[in-house]
Amino acid sequence: MSTDLEGKTVIITGACGVIGRSFASALGAAGMNVVAVDLTNSEQLAAELSETGVRAIGVDADVASVAATEAVAAETLAEFGRIDVLVNNAAFFRAVTRSSFEDIDPDEWDTCMAVNVRGPWLCARAVAPAMRRQRSGAIINISSNTVWKGVPTFLHYVTSKSASLGFTRSLARELGDYGITVNAVAPDFIPDDSLHKHQPGHDDFVVSQRAIKRTSVPDDMVGVVLFLASSQAEFITGQSFLVNGGAHMQ
């Protein structure tokens, strides 16, 4: 797919996770300058990308922090001079405790909302001035297929990812006059070694609910993200794209 992304700059939060790494590799291979953001190890990821010929920097940052997100934007502009795409991928997910809604620890609820709701808002807030000056840009929010399922014992996570859809639509209205698009992408469950270790057969059950009956992998997300980052999607905004093998359709 031709994407006209050569020389443009993307900030990817949660870049060191399995999905974030796929985004970083694909967008870097498309010619973008990559700013990898995560709580730790972002410089190591940037070094790995640089070895493949990608111009990349890593910034360790907490997306729930005003100062940290503003610093990410400032470092990006200092290094590359522009911000073209923001991928809001950081999420509080692996540490989520599965429990009934009555038993969720209030502190864990607050952490989930801080990372999954406050984080995308602060990151968008930090990059918006540069995008407005350019009168162009793309913000891509990573939501979740759990929003359409209504998964039990997962209320705080599902609630936070539901919020990302309203955030996407309202922000698209606010930034549209500047040529900035805002869209959401919702993946289905993507297994890795750290997830569902104590739920044998979980992925088999998830696969059985899909029209395309196979395990989802991080690279399944790449095509839609490349498209939304490119000028080919400049007239698409406020939309949600389900990448779930047909588990849920809209």
Protein backbone atom coordinates (compact mmCIF):
# COMPACT_ATOMS: atom_id res chain seq x y z
CA MET A 1 0.00 0.00 0.00
CA SER A 2 1.33 3.42 -0.97
CA THR A 3 1.15 5.63 2.10
CA ASP A 4 3.12 8.86 1.40
CA LEU A 5 4.53 8.75 4.94
CA GLU A 6 8.19 9.21 4.05
CA GLY A 7 9.85 11.85 6.26
CA LYS A 8 6.82 12.39 8.49
CA THR A 9 6.92 11.89 12.26
CA VAL A 10 4.85 9.61 14.47
CA ILE A 11 4.63 9.39 18.25
CA ILE A 12 3.61 5.94 19.49
CA THR A 13 2.72 5.47 23.16
CA GLY A 14 2.98 2.04 24.71
CA ALA A 15 5.55 1.41 22.00
CA CYS A 16 7.36 -1.42 23.79
CA GLY A 17 4.34 -3.73 23.99
CA VAL A 18 3.60 -6.34 21.34
CA ILE A 19 1.14 -4.13 19.44
CA GLY A 20 3.23 -0.98 19.85
CA ARG A 21 6.30 -2.71 18.43
CA SER A 22 4.33 -3.76 15.35
CA PHE A 23 3.22 -0.17 14.82
CA ALA A 24 6.75 1.16 15.29
CA SER A 25 8.25 -1.34 12.87
CA ALA A 26 5.61 -0.82 10.17
CA LEU A 27 5.47 2.96 10.36
CA GLY A 28 9.27 3.14 10.46
CA ALA A 29 9.49 0.84 7.42
CA ALA A 30 7.09 3.21 5.64
CA GLY A 31 9.68 5.97 6.07
CA MET A 32 8.39 7.72 9.17
CA ASN A 33 10.51 9.14 11.97
CA VAL A 34 9.44 7.20 15.07
CA VAL A 35 9.20 8.51 18.61
CA ALA A 36 8.79 5.47 20.86
CA VAL A 37 7.17 6.29 24.21
CA ASP A 38 6.76 3.90 27.13
CA LEU A 39 7.31 3.87 30.88
CA THR A 40 10.68 2.13 30.42
CA ASN A 41 12.92 0.66 27.70
CA SER A 42 11.88 3.14 25.00
CA GLU A 43 15.50 4.02 24.17
CA GLN A 44 16.31 0.35 23.68
CA LEU A 45 13.43 0.02 21.21
CA ALA A 46 14.58 3.16 19.39
CA ALA A 47 18.08 1.66 19.12
CA GLU A 48 16.64 -1.53 17.62
CA LEU A 49 14.66 0.50 15.08
CA SER A 50 17.73 2.58 14.23
CA GLU A 51 19.63 -0.60 13.40
CA THR A 52 17.08 -1.25 10.62
CA GLY A 53 17.57 2.22 9.16
CA VAL A 54 14.65 3.95 10.87
CA ARG A 55 15.18 7.41 12.34
CA ALA A 56 13.96 6.90 15.89
CA ILE A 57 14.21 8.22 19.42
CA GLY A 58 12.90 6.80 22.65
CA VAL A 59 11.32 8.79 25.47
CA ASP A 60 10.42 7.18 28.81
CA ALA A 61 7.22 8.89 29.94
CA ASP A 62 4.04 8.40 31.95
CA VAL A 63 1.16 9.33 29.63
CA ALA A 64 -0.97 10.30 32.64
CA SER A 65 1.46 13.13 33.47
CA VAL A 66 0.98 16.63 32.05
CA ALA A 67 4.69 17.45 32.29
CA ALA A 68 5.77 14.15 30.74
CA THR A 69 3.45 14.37 27.74
CA GLU A 70 4.46 17.97 27.09
CA ALA A 71 8.11 16.89 27.27
CA VAL A 72 7.47 14.16 24.68
CA ALA A 73 6.03 16.72 22.27
CA ALA A 74 8.91 19.11 22.90
CA GLU A 75 11.57 16.43 22.35
CA THR A 76 9.85 15.30 19.17
CA LEU A 77 9.82 18.82 17.74
CA ALA A 78 13.43 19.41 18.78
CA GLU A 79 14.56 16.21 17.03
CA PHE A 80 12.34 16.09 13.96
CA GLY A 81 10.71 19.53 13.65
CA ARG A 82 7.14 18.29 13.21
CA ILE A 83 4.47 15.94 14.57
CA ASP A 84 2.27 14.30 11.96
CA VAL A 85 0.73 11.30 13.69
CA LEU A 86 -0.05 10.32 17.28
CA VAL A 87 -0.91 6.70 18.04
CA ASN A 88 -2.49 6.54 21.50
CA ASN A 89 -1.66 2.90 22.19
CA ALA A 90 -0.54 2.92 25.86
CA ALA A 91 -2.97 1.03 28.06
CA PHE A 92 -3.44 -0.34 31.54
CA PHE A 93 -4.39 -3.89 30.62
CA ARG A 94 -1.99 -6.66 31.64
CA ALA A 95 -2.16 -5.69 35.31
CA VAL A 96 -5.94 -5.49 35.38
CA THR A 97 -7.49 -7.71 38.07
CA ARG A 98 -10.50 -9.70 36.85
CA SER A 99 -13.27 -9.35 39.44
CA SER A 100 -16.91 -8.40 39.83
CA PHE A 101 -17.61 -4.69 39.59
CA GLU A 102 -18.29 -4.54 43.33
CA ASP A 103 -14.84 -5.91 44.14
CA ILE A 104 -12.72 -3.68 41.90
CA ASP A 105 -10.11 -1.87 43.96
CA PRO A 106 -10.82 1.89 43.68
CA ASP A 107 -7.13 2.61 43.26
CA GLU A 108 -6.95 0.16 40.36
CA TRP A 109 -10.03 1.82 38.83
CA ASP A 110 -8.28 5.19 39.07
CA THR A 111 -5.09 3.82 37.49
CA CYS A 112 -7.05 2.35 34.61
CA MET A 113 -8.80 5.66 33.95
CA ALA A 114 -5.57 7.62 34.34
CA VAL A 115 -3.73 5.62 31.67
CA ASN A 116 -6.59 4.73 29.30
CA VAL A 117 -8.64 7.94 29.40
CA ARG A 118 -6.52 10.76 30.81
CA GLY A 119 -3.45 9.56 28.89
CA PRO A 120 -4.86 9.90 25.35
CA TRP A 121 -6.34 13.28 26.26
CA LEU A 122 -3.03 14.61 27.59
CA CYS A 123 -1.10 13.26 24.61
CA ALA A 124 -3.54 14.81 22.15
CA ARG A 125 -3.40 18.05 24.13
CA ALA A 126 0.40 18.05 23.88
CA VAL A 127 0.62 17.46 20.12
CA ALA A 128 -2.35 19.54 18.99
CA PRO A 129 -0.51 22.92 18.84
CA ALA A 130 2.06 21.55 16.38
CA MET A 131 -0.60 19.88 14.26
CA ARG A 132 -2.68 23.06 14.21
CA ARG A 133 0.31 25.05 12.99
CA GLN A 134 0.83 22.50 10.22
CA ARG A 135 -2.93 22.38 9.54
CA SER A 136 -2.62 18.63 9.25
CA GLY A 137 -2.23 15.56 11.40
CA ALA A 138 -3.75 12.25 12.43
CA ILE A 139 -4.60 11.02 15.92
CA ILE A 140 -5.27 7.29 16.16
CA ASN A 141 -6.75 6.00 19.42
CA ILE A 142 -6.49 2.29 20.18
CA SER A 143 -9.75 1.12 21.75
CA SER A 144 -10.84 -2.51 22.24
CA ASN A 145 -13.29 -5.06 20.91
CA THR A 146 -14.37 -5.60 24.53
CA VAL A 147 -16.48 -2.46 24.16
CA TRP A 148 -18.82 -4.32 21.79
CA LYS A 149 -18.77 -7.53 23.85
CA GLY A 150 -19.52 -5.99 27.23
CA VAL A 151 -17.07 -8.33 28.97
CA PRO A 152 -17.97 -9.14 32.60
CA THR A 153 -15.45 -8.94 35.46
CA PHE A 154 -13.52 -6.41 33.39
CA LEU A 155 -15.64 -3.33 34.01
CA HIS A 156 -12.97 -0.70 34.56
CA TYR A 157 -11.04 -1.65 31.42
CA VAL A 158 -14.14 -1.88 29.21
CA THR A 159 -15.43 1.42 30.59
CA SER A 160 -12.13 3.15 29.84
CA LYS A 161 -12.02 1.81 26.29
CA SER A 162 -15.65 2.82 25.74
CA ALA A 163 -14.66 6.34 26.75
CA SER A 164 -12.07 6.37 23.96
CA LEU A 165 -14.86 6.20 21.37
CA GLY A 166 -16.64 9.30 22.68
CA PHE A 167 -13.27 11.01 23.03
CA THR A 168 -12.50 10.18 19.39
CA ARG A 169 -15.78 11.60 18.06
CA SER A 170 -15.73 14.80 20.10
CA LEU A 171 -12.05 15.51 19.41
CA ALA A 172 -12.65 14.96 15.69
CA ARG A 173 -15.23 17.76 15.82
CA GLU A 174 -12.84 20.11 17.62
CA LEU A 175 -9.86 19.55 15.33
CA GLY A 176 -11.53 19.10 11.96
CA ASP A 177 -11.17 22.76 10.98
CA TYR A 178 -7.39 22.32 11.10
CA GLY A 179 -7.30 19.31 8.80
CA ILE A 180 -6.55 16.98 11.73
CA THR A 181 -8.27 13.60 11.70
CA VAL A 182 -9.12 11.59 14.81
CA ASN A 183 -10.11 7.92 14.54
CA ALA A 184 -10.22 4.82 16.73
CA VAL A 185 -9.07 1.28 16.04
CA ALA A 186 -10.43 -1.60 18.13
CA PRO A 187 -8.49 -4.88 18.16
CA ASP A 188 -9.78 -8.19 19.45
CA PHE A 189 -7.87 -10.26 22.01
CA ILE A 190 -4.25 -10.75 20.96
CA PRO A 191 -2.60 -13.46 23.09
CA ASP A 192 0.94 -13.32 24.35
CA ASP A 193 2.88 -15.18 27.02
CA SER A 194 1.93 -12.74 29.78
CA LEU A 195 -1.84 -12.98 29.30
CA HIS A 196 -4.40 -15.48 30.49
CA LYS A 197 -1.81 -17.96 31.75
CA HIS A 198 -4.45 -19.41 34.04
CA GLN A 199 -7.23 -19.62 31.45
CA PRO A 200 -6.46 -22.60 29.22
CA GLY A 201 -8.54 -22.66 26.06
CA HIS A 202 -9.33 -18.94 26.23
CA ASP A 203 -7.94 -18.15 22.79
CA ASP A 204 -9.70 -21.17 21.26
CA PHE A 205 -13.01 -19.81 22.57
CA VAL A 206 -12.29 -16.30 21.25
CA VAL A 207 -11.36 -17.68 17.83
CA SER A 208 -14.59 -19.69 17.68
CA GLN A 209 -16.60 -16.44 17.88
CA ARG A 210 -14.96 -14.95 14.78
CA ALA A 211 -15.99 -15.15 11.14
CA ILE A 212 -12.29 -15.57 10.31
CA LYS A 213 -11.32 -18.37 12.66
CA ARG A 214 -7.70 -17.85 13.56
CA THR A 215 -5.67 -16.27 16.34
CA SER A 216 -5.25 -12.51 16.11
CA VAL A 217 -1.68 -11.22 15.87
CA PRO A 218 -0.28 -7.69 16.30
CA ASP A 219 0.42 -7.27 12.59
CA ASP A 220 -3.34 -7.56 11.91
CA MET A 221 -3.57 -3.96 13.15
CA VAL A 222 -0.88 -2.56 10.89
CA GLY A 223 -2.82 -2.05 7.65
CA VAL A 224 -5.56 0.14 9.11
CA VAL A 225 -3.06 2.20 11.12
CA LEU A 226 -0.89 2.81 8.04
CA PHE A 227 -3.99 3.86 6.14
CA LEU A 228 -5.28 6.22 8.84
CA ALA A 229 -1.82 7.78 9.20
CA SER A 230 -1.64 8.55 5.48
CA SER A 231 -3.18 11.32 3.39
CA GLN A 232 -5.42 8.69 1.79
CA ALA A 233 -7.54 8.91 4.96
CA GLU A 234 -7.63 12.70 5.20
CA PHE A 235 -11.44 12.78 4.69
CA ILE A 236 -12.13 10.10 7.32
CA THR A 237 -12.56 11.26 10.90
CA GLY A 238 -14.51 10.39 14.04
CA GLN A 239 -14.77 6.74 12.99
CA SER A 240 -14.12 3.44 14.76
CA PHE A 241 -12.50 0.54 12.92
CA LEU A 242 -12.97 -2.97 14.34
CA VAL A 243 -10.06 -5.29 13.60
CA ASN A 244 -11.47 -8.46 15.07
CA GLY A 245 -11.87 -11.13 12.40
CA GLY A 246 -15.60 -10.50 12.33
CA ALA A 247 -16.22 -11.26 16.00
CA HIS A 248 -18.49 -8.21 16.05
CA MET A 249 -19.70 -6.23 13.07
CA GLN A 250 -21.10 -2.74 12.62
